[in-house]
Amino acid sequence: MSTRRRRYSMKEVGLALTFLAPSLIIFSVFFYLPFIRLLDWGRYKSQRGGLSYRYVGLSQYREILTGPEFTDGLRHSVLFVLYTVPAGLVLGVLLAVAAHRPLKGIKIFQAIFSSTLASSVAVSSVLFLFLFNPAVGFFQVGWKEDPDMALFAAALPSIWQNLGLAFVIVLAGLQAVPEEVMEAARLDGYGPFRRLVRITLPLISPVLLFLVVVLVIFGFQAFAQIQIITNGGPAGASETLVFKISRQSQNYGAGAVLSIGLFAVTLVVTFLQFVLLERRVHYGDE
């Protein structure tokens, strides 16, 4: 049975626009207008160390987005995401499943597992910097001086924090799973692993999708941990796109182009995640 779309009165439309106006104004002033300005800055090339700029049109976009500065930064950013997202997500899910039990004193473990989220990026980075210091560290390995391991060393604080974020959000999702469903699965002979794979994970799949999207965006935006642990080294082996953008303080045009490139990559990756992963998401009304 088809239903007609209700036509809203001018009073209702005006009321809706009134409520939307503050958000639209804030977004326009602090996002849309600066973004348009950023697009325009990309058409100007720095001269004399940033003292003057010359209009070059779209040629700077082609030059930078196809050059090694962008491609190397993108490769390091993607590697950083691959290091941080799967590890933090899997560890967080496993700890949340382990802590979701009616055991005495389990609240203490829940507080411990979620405590990684309470520490700032700077604190976590300094902690790992000293842990892996080759002279006075507990593990005494020179990962940050190794071109093949430097990016992974910078990723460890993010894995540490992603673990806490995933734990808190997944634990909240697990607490929303109806106990009747789990009891029915037990009566049907489902063991713990089968219940996890066939019942629990599908029921919390919207939570997992949200986590994946957020953690990927966080990975592309990471900066402080890289600056503190490796400072982009050795020899640029850990310079992500965000780090390369920070190096363009005397060249606003190149920095603008790299920023637009990072925004486009993040937007495309986020869109692909929704398109590819949402098919596997099971919502409560399905």
C-alpha atoms as a PDB file:
ATOM      1  CA  MET A   1       0.000   0.000   0.000  1.00  0.00           C
ATOM      2  CA  SER A   2       1.567   3.254  -1.158  1.00  0.00           C
ATOM      3  CA  THR A   3       1.548   6.279   1.079  1.00  0.00           C
ATOM      4  CA  ARG A   4       1.672   9.871  -0.027  1.00  0.00           C
ATOM      5  CA  ARG A   5       4.443  12.058   1.225  1.00  0.00           C
ATOM      6  CA  ARG A   6       3.025  14.642   3.585  1.00  0.00           C
ATOM      7  CA  ARG A   7       3.403  18.228   2.459  1.00  0.00           C
ATOM      8  CA  TYR A   8       4.858  20.477   5.113  1.00  0.00           C
ATOM      9  CA  SER A   9       3.427  23.905   5.764  1.00  0.00           C
ATOM     10  CA  MET A  10       5.526  27.036   5.438  1.00  0.00           C
ATOM     11  CA  LYS A  11       5.405  27.394   9.217  1.00  0.00           C
ATOM     12  CA  GLU A  12       6.914  23.917   9.699  1.00  0.00           C
ATOM     13  CA  VAL A  13       9.590  24.546   7.055  1.00  0.00           C
ATOM     14  CA  GLY A  14      10.460  27.867   8.667  1.00  0.00           C
ATOM     15  CA  LEU A  15      10.707  26.238  12.098  1.00  0.00           C
ATOM     16  CA  ALA A  16      13.002  23.505  10.729  1.00  0.00           C
ATOM     17  CA  LEU A  17      15.255  26.074   9.050  1.00  0.00           C
ATOM     18  CA  THR A  18      15.374  28.069  12.274  1.00  0.00           C
ATOM     19  CA  PHE A  19      16.716  25.055  14.157  1.00  0.00           C
ATOM     20  CA  LEU A  20      19.159  24.223  11.349  1.00  0.00           C
ATOM     21  CA  ALA A  21      20.453  27.780  10.936  1.00  0.00           C
ATOM     22  CA  PRO A  22      22.956  27.789  13.857  1.00  0.00           C
ATOM     23  CA  SER A  23      24.580  24.552  12.655  1.00  0.00           C
ATOM     24  CA  LEU A  24      24.687  25.761   9.049  1.00  0.00           C
ATOM     25  CA  ILE A  25      26.253  29.066  10.089  1.00  0.00           C
ATOM     26  CA  ILE A  26      28.904  27.346  12.227  1.00  0.00           C
ATOM     27  CA  PHE A  27      29.741  24.849   9.472  1.00  0.00           C
ATOM     28  CA  SER A  28      29.898  27.607   6.877  1.00  0.00           C
ATOM     29  CA  VAL A  29      32.192  29.840   8.920  1.00  0.00           C
ATOM     30  CA  PHE A  30      34.514  27.170  10.304  1.00  0.00           C
ATOM     31  CA  PHE A  31      34.492  24.534   7.537  1.00  0.00           C
ATOM     32  CA  TYR A  32      32.991  25.418   4.158  1.00  0.00           C
ATOM     33  CA  LEU A  33      34.522  28.880   3.749  1.00  0.00           C
ATOM     34  CA  PRO A  34      38.016  27.794   4.934  1.00  0.00           C
ATOM     35  CA  PHE A  35      37.789  24.745   2.662  1.00  0.00           C
ATOM     36  CA  ILE A  36      36.987  26.929  -0.358  1.00  0.00           C
ATOM     37  CA  ARG A  37      39.874  29.197   0.627  1.00  0.00           C
ATOM     38  CA  LEU A  38      42.128  26.136   0.869  1.00  0.00           C
ATOM     39  CA  LEU A  39      41.173  25.104  -2.666  1.00  0.00           C
ATOM     40  CA  ASP A  40      42.117  28.573  -3.857  1.00  0.00           C
ATOM     41  CA  TRP A  41      45.471  28.548  -2.019  1.00  0.00           C
ATOM     42  CA  GLY A  42      46.434  25.415  -3.931  1.00  0.00           C
ATOM     43  CA  ARG A  43      46.706  27.488  -7.111  1.00  0.00           C
ATOM     44  CA  TYR A  44      49.521  29.652  -5.746  1.00  0.00           C
ATOM     45  CA  LYS A  45      53.177  28.630  -5.586  1.00  0.00           C
ATOM     46  CA  SER A  46      55.564  29.870  -2.915  1.00  0.00           C
ATOM     47  CA  GLN A  47      58.530  32.031  -3.872  1.00  0.00           C
ATOM     48  CA  ARG A  48      61.451  33.356  -1.809  1.00  0.00           C
ATOM     49  CA  GLY A  49      60.704  31.147   1.201  1.00  0.00           C
ATOM     50  CA  GLY A  50      57.048  32.100   1.414  1.00  0.00           C
ATOM     51  CA  LEU A  51      57.548  35.866   1.156  1.00  0.00           C
ATOM     52  CA  SER A  52      55.567  35.993  -2.090  1.00  0.00           C
ATOM     53  CA  TYR A  53      53.299  33.744  -4.122  1.00  0.00           C
ATOM     54  CA  ARG A  54      52.807  33.268  -7.847  1.00  0.00           C
ATOM     55  CA  TYR A  55      49.571  32.106  -9.454  1.00  0.00           C
ATOM     56  CA  VAL A  56      50.122  28.782 -11.267  1.00  0.00           C
ATOM     57  CA  GLY A  57      46.564  27.496 -11.637  1.00  0.00           C
ATOM     58  CA  LEU A  58      45.952  23.758 -11.414  1.00  0.00           C
ATOM     59  CA  SER A  59      49.489  22.823 -12.435  1.00  0.00           C
ATOM     60  CA  GLN A  60      50.556  22.666  -8.785  1.00  0.00           C
ATOM     61  CA  TYR A  61      47.784  20.158  -8.072  1.00  0.00           C
ATOM     62  CA  ARG A  62      49.036  17.912 -10.893  1.00  0.00           C
ATOM     63  CA  GLU A  63      52.668  18.329  -9.887  1.00  0.00           C
ATOM     64  CA  ILE A  64      52.222  17.514  -6.196  1.00  0.00           C
ATOM     65  CA  LEU A  65      49.452  14.895  -6.320  1.00  0.00           C
ATOM     66  CA  THR A  66      51.418  12.843  -8.858  1.00  0.00           C
ATOM     67  CA  GLY A  67      54.824  13.448  -7.271  1.00  0.00           C
ATOM     68  CA  PRO A  68      56.766  11.506  -4.636  1.00  0.00           C
ATOM     69  CA  GLU A  69      55.881  13.942  -1.840  1.00  0.00           C
ATOM     70  CA  PHE A  70      52.230  12.894  -1.958  1.00  0.00           C
ATOM     71  CA  THR A  71      52.628   9.241  -2.986  1.00  0.00           C
ATOM     72  CA  ASP A  72      55.255   8.496  -0.321  1.00  0.00           C
ATOM     73  CA  GLY A  73      53.185  10.234   2.341  1.00  0.00           C
ATOM     74  CA  LEU A  74      50.075   8.349   1.243  1.00  0.00           C
ATOM     75  CA  ARG A  75      51.923   5.022   1.361  1.00  0.00           C
ATOM     76  CA  HIS A  76      53.132   5.718   4.894  1.00  0.00           C
ATOM     77  CA  SER A  77      49.642   6.848   5.954  1.00  0.00           C
ATOM     78  CA  VAL A  78      48.069   3.661   4.600  1.00  0.00           C
ATOM     79  CA  LEU A  79      50.714   1.542   6.351  1.00  0.00           C
ATOM     80  CA  PHE A  80      50.059   3.414   9.593  1.00  0.00           C
ATOM     81  CA  VAL A  81      46.330   2.658   9.286  1.00  0.00           C
ATOM     82  CA  LEU A  82      47.063  -1.017   8.560  1.00  0.00           C
ATOM     83  CA  TYR A  83      49.292  -1.199  11.631  1.00  0.00           C
ATOM     84  CA  THR A  84      46.879   0.489  14.033  1.00  0.00           C
ATOM     85  CA  VAL A  85      43.303  -0.362  13.038  1.00  0.00           C
ATOM     86  CA  PRO A  86      43.275  -4.201  12.862  1.00  0.00           C
ATOM     87  CA  ALA A  87      45.482  -4.645  15.944  1.00  0.00           C
ATOM     88  CA  GLY A  88      43.584  -2.162  18.108  1.00  0.00           C
ATOM     89  CA  LEU A  89      40.185  -3.432  16.953  1.00  0.00           C
ATOM     90  CA  VAL A  90      40.902  -7.152  17.400  1.00  0.00           C
ATOM     91  CA  LEU A  91      42.543  -6.705  20.807  1.00  0.00           C
ATOM     92  CA  GLY A  92      39.729  -4.429  21.971  1.00  0.00           C
ATOM     93  CA  VAL A  93      37.042  -6.897  20.868  1.00  0.00           C
ATOM     94  CA  LEU A  94      38.788  -9.859  22.520  1.00  0.00           C
ATOM     95  CA  LEU A  95      39.230  -7.980  25.794  1.00  0.00           C
ATOM     96  CA  ALA A  96      35.603  -6.781  25.714  1.00  0.00           C
ATOM     97  CA  VAL A  97      34.349 -10.340  25.192  1.00  0.00           C
ATOM     98  CA  ALA A  98      36.594 -11.575  28.011  1.00  0.00           C
ATOM     99  CA  ALA A  99      35.430  -8.802  30.371  1.00  0.00           C
ATOM    100  CA  HIS A 100      31.739  -9.269  29.567  1.00  0.00           C
ATOM    101  CA  ARG A 101      31.226 -11.901  32.255  1.00  0.00           C
ATOM    102  CA  PRO A 102      29.297 -11.843  35.547  1.00  0.00           C
ATOM    103  CA  LEU A 103      32.400 -12.511  37.625  1.00  0.00           C
ATOM    104  CA  LYS A 104      33.383 -11.056  40.965  1.00  0.00           C
ATOM    105  CA  GLY A 105      35.809  -8.168  40.557  1.00  0.00           C
ATOM    106  CA  ILE A 106      35.306  -7.928  36.778  1.00  0.00           C
ATOM    107  CA  LYS A 107      34.695  -4.165  37.099  1.00  0.00           C
ATOM    108  CA  ILE A 108      38.324  -3.756  38.132  1.00  0.00           C
ATOM    109  CA  PHE A 109      39.514  -5.409  34.930  1.00  0.00           C
ATOM    110  CA  GLN A 110      37.066  -3.342  32.875  1.00  0.00           C
ATOM    111  CA  ALA A 111      38.561  -0.180  34.374  1.00  0.00           C
ATOM    112  CA  ILE A 112      42.103  -1.406  33.659  1.00  0.00           C
ATOM    113  CA  PHE A 113      41.341  -2.335  30.044  1.00  0.00           C
ATOM    114  CA  SER A 114      39.648   1.013  29.361  1.00  0.00           C
ATOM    115  CA  SER A 115      42.395   3.054  31.062  1.00  0.00           C
ATOM    116  CA  THR A 116      44.455   3.232  27.849  1.00  0.00           C
ATOM    117  CA  LEU A 117      41.812   5.584  26.486  1.00  0.00           C
ATOM    118  CA  ALA A 118      42.325   8.004  29.378  1.00  0.00           C
ATOM    119  CA  SER A 119      45.959   8.767  28.531  1.00  0.00           C
ATOM    120  CA  SER A 120      46.707  11.472  25.981  1.00  0.00           C
ATOM    121  CA  VAL A 121      48.594  10.830  22.756  1.00  0.00           C
ATOM    122  CA  ALA A 122      51.618  12.697  24.117  1.00  0.00           C
ATOM    123  CA  VAL A 123      51.730  10.648  27.326  1.00  0.00           C
ATOM    124  CA  SER A 124      51.354   7.337  25.470  1.00  0.00           C
ATOM    125  CA  SER A 125      54.008   8.329  22.934  1.00  0.00           C
ATOM    126  CA  VAL A 126      56.550   9.330  25.595  1.00  0.00           C
ATOM    127  CA  LEU A 127      55.831   6.076  27.441  1.00  0.00           C
ATOM    128  CA  PHE A 128      56.620   3.950  24.389  1.00  0.00           C
ATOM    129  CA  LEU A 129      59.567   6.191  23.512  1.00  0.00           C
ATOM    130  CA  PHE A 130      61.229   5.265  26.807  1.00  0.00           C
ATOM    131  CA  LEU A 131      60.112   1.625  26.748  1.00  0.00           C
ATOM    132  CA  PHE A 132      61.948   1.032  23.465  1.00  0.00           C
ATOM    133  CA  ASN A 133      64.914   3.305  24.123  1.00  0.00           C
ATOM    134  CA  PRO A 134      68.067   1.347  23.148  1.00  0.00           C
ATOM    135  CA  ALA A 135      70.022   2.751  26.112  1.00  0.00           C
ATOM    136  CA  VAL A 136      67.661   2.934  29.101  1.00  0.00           C
ATOM    137  CA  GLY A 137      64.457   1.317  27.841  1.00  0.00           C
ATOM    138  CA  PHE A 138      62.874  -1.851  29.180  1.00  0.00           C
ATOM    139  CA  PHE A 139      63.044  -3.609  25.794  1.00  0.00           C
ATOM    140  CA  GLN A 140      66.125  -1.762  24.475  1.00  0.00           C
ATOM    141  CA  VAL A 141      65.448  -2.106  20.761  1.00  0.00           C
ATOM    142  CA  GLY A 142      66.317   0.575  18.219  1.00  0.00           C
ATOM    143  CA  TRP A 143      63.091   0.448  16.249  1.00  0.00           C
ATOM    144  CA  LYS A 144      62.797   4.193  15.784  1.00  0.00           C
ATOM    145  CA  GLU A 145      66.260   4.275  14.179  1.00  0.00           C
ATOM    146  CA  ASP A 146      65.379   1.411  11.809  1.00  0.00           C
ATOM    147  CA  PRO A 147      63.758   2.598   8.523  1.00  0.00           C
ATOM    148  CA  ASP A 148      61.756  -0.638   8.316  1.00  0.00           C
ATOM    149  CA  MET A 149      60.433  -0.448  11.895  1.00  0.00           C
ATOM    150  CA  ALA A 150      60.183   3.295  12.586  1.00  0.00           C
ATOM    151  CA  LEU A 151      56.593   3.650  11.387  1.00  0.00           C
ATOM    152  CA  PHE A 152      55.519   0.616  13.413  1.00  0.00           C
ATOM    153  CA  ALA A 153      57.205   2.088  16.489  1.00  0.00           C
ATOM    154  CA  ALA A 154      55.227   5.303  15.978  1.00  0.00           C
ATOM    155  CA  ALA A 155      52.038   3.254  15.562  1.00  0.00           C
ATOM    156  CA  LEU A 156      52.291   1.547  18.965  1.00  0.00           C
ATOM    157  CA  PRO A 157      50.720   4.445  20.955  1.00  0.00           C
ATOM    158  CA  SER A 158      47.789   4.460  18.522  1.00  0.00           C
ATOM    159  CA  ILE A 159      47.329   0.699  18.912  1.00  0.00           C
ATOM    160  CA  TRP A 160      47.398   1.222  22.679  1.00  0.00           C
ATOM    161  CA  GLN A 161      44.706   3.909  22.535  1.00  0.00           C
ATOM    162  CA  ASN A 162      42.612   2.188  19.859  1.00  0.00           C
ATOM    163  CA  LEU A 163      42.503  -0.863  22.107  1.00  0.00           C
ATOM    164  CA  GLY A 164      40.885   1.168  24.889  1.00  0.00           C
ATOM    165  CA  LEU A 165      38.402   2.876  22.572  1.00  0.00           C
ATOM    166  CA  ALA A 166      37.398  -0.420  20.950  1.00  0.00           C
ATOM    167  CA  PHE A 167      37.071  -2.067  24.359  1.00  0.00           C
ATOM    168  CA  VAL A 168      34.722   0.591  25.749  1.00  0.00           C
ATOM    169  CA  ILE A 169      32.474   0.768  22.672  1.00  0.00           C
ATOM    170  CA  VAL A 170      32.317  -2.996  22.055  1.00  0.00           C
ATOM    171  CA  LEU A 171      31.625  -3.669  25.741  1.00  0.00           C
ATOM    172  CA  ALA A 172      28.685  -1.252  25.570  1.00  0.00           C
ATOM    173  CA  GLY A 173      27.458  -3.093  22.468  1.00  0.00           C
ATOM    174  CA  LEU A 174      27.778  -6.477  24.181  1.00  0.00           C
ATOM    175  CA  GLN A 175      25.740  -5.260  27.138  1.00  0.00           C
ATOM    176  CA  ALA A 176      22.917  -4.406  24.722  1.00  0.00           C
ATOM    177  CA  VAL A 177      22.749  -7.965  23.322  1.00  0.00           C
ATOM    178  CA  PRO A 178      19.600  -9.657  24.727  1.00  0.00           C
ATOM    179  CA  GLU A 179      20.466 -12.416  27.180  1.00  0.00           C
ATOM    180  CA  GLU A 180      17.518 -14.443  25.851  1.00  0.00           C
ATOM    181  CA  VAL A 181      19.267 -14.753  22.486  1.00  0.00           C
ATOM    182  CA  MET A 182      22.470 -16.026  24.077  1.00  0.00           C
ATOM    183  CA  GLU A 183      20.552 -18.462  26.276  1.00  0.00           C
ATOM    184  CA  ALA A 184      18.712 -19.828  23.244  1.00  0.00           C
ATOM    185  CA  ALA A 185      22.055 -20.328  21.484  1.00  0.00           C
ATOM    186  CA  ARG A 186      23.373 -22.254  24.489  1.00  0.00           C
ATOM    187  CA  LEU A 187      20.304 -24.502  24.473  1.00  0.00           C
ATOM    188  CA  ASP A 188      20.894 -25.162  20.772  1.00  0.00           C
ATOM    189  CA  GLY A 189      24.361 -26.454  21.601  1.00  0.00           C
ATOM    190  CA  TYR A 190      26.413 -23.427  20.491  1.00  0.00           C
ATOM    191  CA  GLY A 191      29.816 -23.303  22.175  1.00  0.00           C
ATOM    192  CA  PRO A 192      31.543 -20.037  23.214  1.00  0.00           C
ATOM    193  CA  PHE A 193      33.427 -19.578  19.931  1.00  0.00           C
ATOM    194  CA  ARG A 194      30.397 -20.388  17.788  1.00  0.00           C
ATOM    195  CA  ARG A 195      28.226 -18.015  19.821  1.00  0.00           C
ATOM    196  CA  LEU A 196      30.805 -15.285  19.312  1.00  0.00           C
ATOM    197  CA  VAL A 197      31.059 -15.759  15.546  1.00  0.00           C
ATOM    198  CA  ARG A 198      27.453 -16.621  14.715  1.00  0.00           C
ATOM    199  CA  ILE A 199      25.510 -14.590  17.299  1.00  0.00           C
ATOM    200  CA  THR A 200      27.496 -11.905  19.098  1.00  0.00           C
ATOM    201  CA  LEU A 201      29.522 -10.352  16.273  1.00  0.00           C
ATOM    202  CA  PRO A 202      26.541 -10.086  13.860  1.00  0.00           C
ATOM    203  CA  LEU A 203      24.438  -8.445  16.584  1.00  0.00           C
ATOM    204  CA  ILE A 204      27.118  -5.831  17.332  1.00  0.00           C
ATOM    205  CA  SER A 205      28.128  -5.363  13.670  1.00  0.00           C
ATOM    206  CA  PRO A 206      26.793  -1.746  13.576  1.00  0.00           C
ATOM    207  CA  VAL A 207      29.149  -0.966  16.472  1.00  0.00           C
ATOM    208  CA  LEU A 208      32.054  -2.633  14.660  1.00  0.00           C
ATOM    209  CA  LEU A 209      31.340  -0.659  11.476  1.00  0.00           C
ATOM    210  CA  PHE A 210      31.368   2.593  13.443  1.00  0.00           C
ATOM    211  CA  LEU A 211      34.647   1.603  15.095  1.00  0.00           C
ATOM    212  CA  VAL A 212      36.366   0.711  11.829  1.00  0.00           C
ATOM    213  CA  VAL A 213      35.354   4.001  10.198  1.00  0.00           C
ATOM    214  CA  VAL A 214      36.433   6.099  13.192  1.00  0.00           C
ATOM    215  CA  LEU A 215      39.742   4.286  13.712  1.00  0.00           C
ATOM    216  CA  VAL A 216      40.663   4.581  10.025  1.00  0.00           C
ATOM    217  CA  ILE A 217      40.004   8.331  10.116  1.00  0.00           C
ATOM    218  CA  PHE A 218      42.065   8.631  13.311  1.00  0.00           C
ATOM    219  CA  GLY A 219      44.876   6.715  11.597  1.00  0.00           C
ATOM    220  CA  PHE A 220      45.003   9.073   8.629  1.00  0.00           C
ATOM    221  CA  GLN A 221      44.998  12.078  10.980  1.00  0.00           C
ATOM    222  CA  ALA A 222      47.760  10.836  13.316  1.00  0.00           C
ATOM    223  CA  PHE A 223      50.566  13.315  13.904  1.00  0.00           C
ATOM    224  CA  ALA A 224      51.702  13.786  17.518  1.00  0.00           C
ATOM    225  CA  GLN A 225      52.901  10.219  18.057  1.00  0.00           C
ATOM    226  CA  ILE A 226      54.992  10.356  14.885  1.00  0.00           C
ATOM    227  CA  GLN A 227      56.530  13.693  15.825  1.00  0.00           C
ATOM    228  CA  ILE A 228      57.372  12.562  19.360  1.00  0.00           C
ATOM    229  CA  ILE A 229      58.756   9.098  18.586  1.00  0.00           C
ATOM    230  CA  THR A 230      60.463   9.398  15.180  1.00  0.00           C
ATOM    231  CA  ASN A 231      59.997  13.014  14.028  1.00  0.00           C
ATOM    232  CA  GLY A 232      59.406  11.601  10.556  1.00  0.00           C
ATOM    233  CA  GLY A 233      62.719   9.766  10.431  1.00  0.00           C
ATOM    234  CA  PRO A 234      64.924   8.089   9.764  1.00  0.00           C
ATOM    235  CA  ALA A 235      65.342   9.652   6.314  1.00  0.00           C
ATOM    236  CA  GLY A 236      61.604  10.277   5.967  1.00  0.00           C
ATOM    237  CA  ALA A 237      60.679   6.619   6.553  1.00  0.00           C
ATOM    238  CA  SER A 238      57.770   7.559   8.846  1.00  0.00           C
ATOM    239  CA  GLU A 239      56.541  10.782   7.236  1.00  0.00           C
ATOM    240  CA  THR A 240      52.793  10.398   6.737  1.00  0.00           C
ATOM    241  CA  LEU A 241      50.678  12.869   4.774  1.00  0.00           C
ATOM    242  CA  VAL A 242      49.765  14.829   7.893  1.00  0.00           C
ATOM    243  CA  PHE A 243      53.436  15.055   8.851  1.00  0.00           C
ATOM    244  CA  LYS A 244      54.391  16.248   5.364  1.00  0.00           C
ATOM    245  CA  ILE A 245      51.666  18.894   5.541  1.00  0.00           C
ATOM    246  CA  SER A 246      53.161  20.183   8.794  1.00  0.00           C
ATOM    247  CA  ARG A 247      56.511  20.642   7.004  1.00  0.00           C
ATOM    248  CA  GLN A 248      54.973  23.129   4.560  1.00  0.00           C
ATOM    249  CA  SER A 249      54.870  26.096   6.941  1.00  0.00           C
ATOM    250  CA  GLN A 250      56.727  28.244   4.385  1.00  0.00           C
ATOM    251  CA  ASN A 251      54.757  26.970   1.403  1.00  0.00           C
ATOM    252  CA  TYR A 252      51.037  27.387   1.971  1.00  0.00           C
ATOM    253  CA  GLY A 253      50.175  26.412  -1.592  1.00  0.00           C
ATOM    254  CA  ALA A 254      51.860  22.995  -1.407  1.00  0.00           C
ATOM    255  CA  GLY A 255      50.429  22.435   2.060  1.00  0.00           C
ATOM    256  CA  ALA A 256      46.952  23.249   0.755  1.00  0.00           C
ATOM    257  CA  VAL A 257      47.292  20.742  -2.100  1.00  0.00           C
ATOM    258  CA  LEU A 258      48.503  18.005   0.255  1.00  0.00           C
ATOM    259  CA  SER A 259      45.608  18.797   2.614  1.00  0.00           C
ATOM    260  CA  ILE A 260      43.088  18.539  -0.212  1.00  0.00           C
ATOM    261  CA  GLY A 261      44.661  15.239  -1.261  1.00  0.00           C
ATOM    262  CA  LEU A 262      44.426  13.868   2.289  1.00  0.00           C
ATOM    263  CA  PHE A 263      40.805  14.999   2.565  1.00  0.00           C
ATOM    264  CA  ALA A 264      39.931  13.317  -0.746  1.00  0.00           C
ATOM    265  CA  VAL A 265      41.636  10.059   0.238  1.00  0.00           C
ATOM    266  CA  THR A 266      39.912   9.988   3.635  1.00  0.00           C
ATOM    267  CA  LEU A 267      36.546  10.754   2.043  1.00  0.00           C
ATOM    268  CA  VAL A 268      36.919   8.000  -0.575  1.00  0.00           C
ATOM    269  CA  VAL A 269      38.115   5.423   1.966  1.00  0.00           C
ATOM    270  CA  THR A 270      35.226   6.263   4.311  1.00  0.00           C
ATOM    271  CA  PHE A 271      32.716   5.980   1.461  1.00  0.00           C
ATOM    272  CA  LEU A 272      34.149   2.612   0.388  1.00  0.00           C
ATOM    273  CA  GLN A 273      33.940   1.325   3.955  1.00  0.00           C
ATOM    274  CA  PHE A 274      30.239   2.130   4.116  1.00  0.00           C
ATOM    275  CA  VAL A 275      29.578   0.639   0.672  1.00  0.00           C
ATOM    276  CA  LEU A 276      31.565  -2.571   1.209  1.00  0.00           C
ATOM    277  CA  LEU A 277      31.078  -3.220   4.925  1.00  0.00           C
ATOM    278  CA  GLU A 278      27.480  -2.118   5.448  1.00  0.00           C
ATOM    279  CA  ARG A 279      26.316  -5.152   3.471  1.00  0.00           C
ATOM    280  CA  ARG A 280      27.563  -7.299   6.349  1.00  0.00           C
ATOM    281  CA  VAL A 281      25.932  -5.176   9.030  1.00  0.00           C
ATOM    282  CA  HIS A 282      22.820  -6.572  10.710  1.00  0.00           C
ATOM    283  CA  TYR A 283      20.512  -3.981  12.248  1.00  0.00           C
ATOM    284  CA  GLY A 284      17.995  -4.788  14.921  1.00  0.00           C
ATOM    285  CA  ASP A 285      14.933  -4.365  12.695  1.00  0.00           C
ATOM    286  CA  GLU A 286      16.221  -6.716   9.972  1.00  0.00           C
END
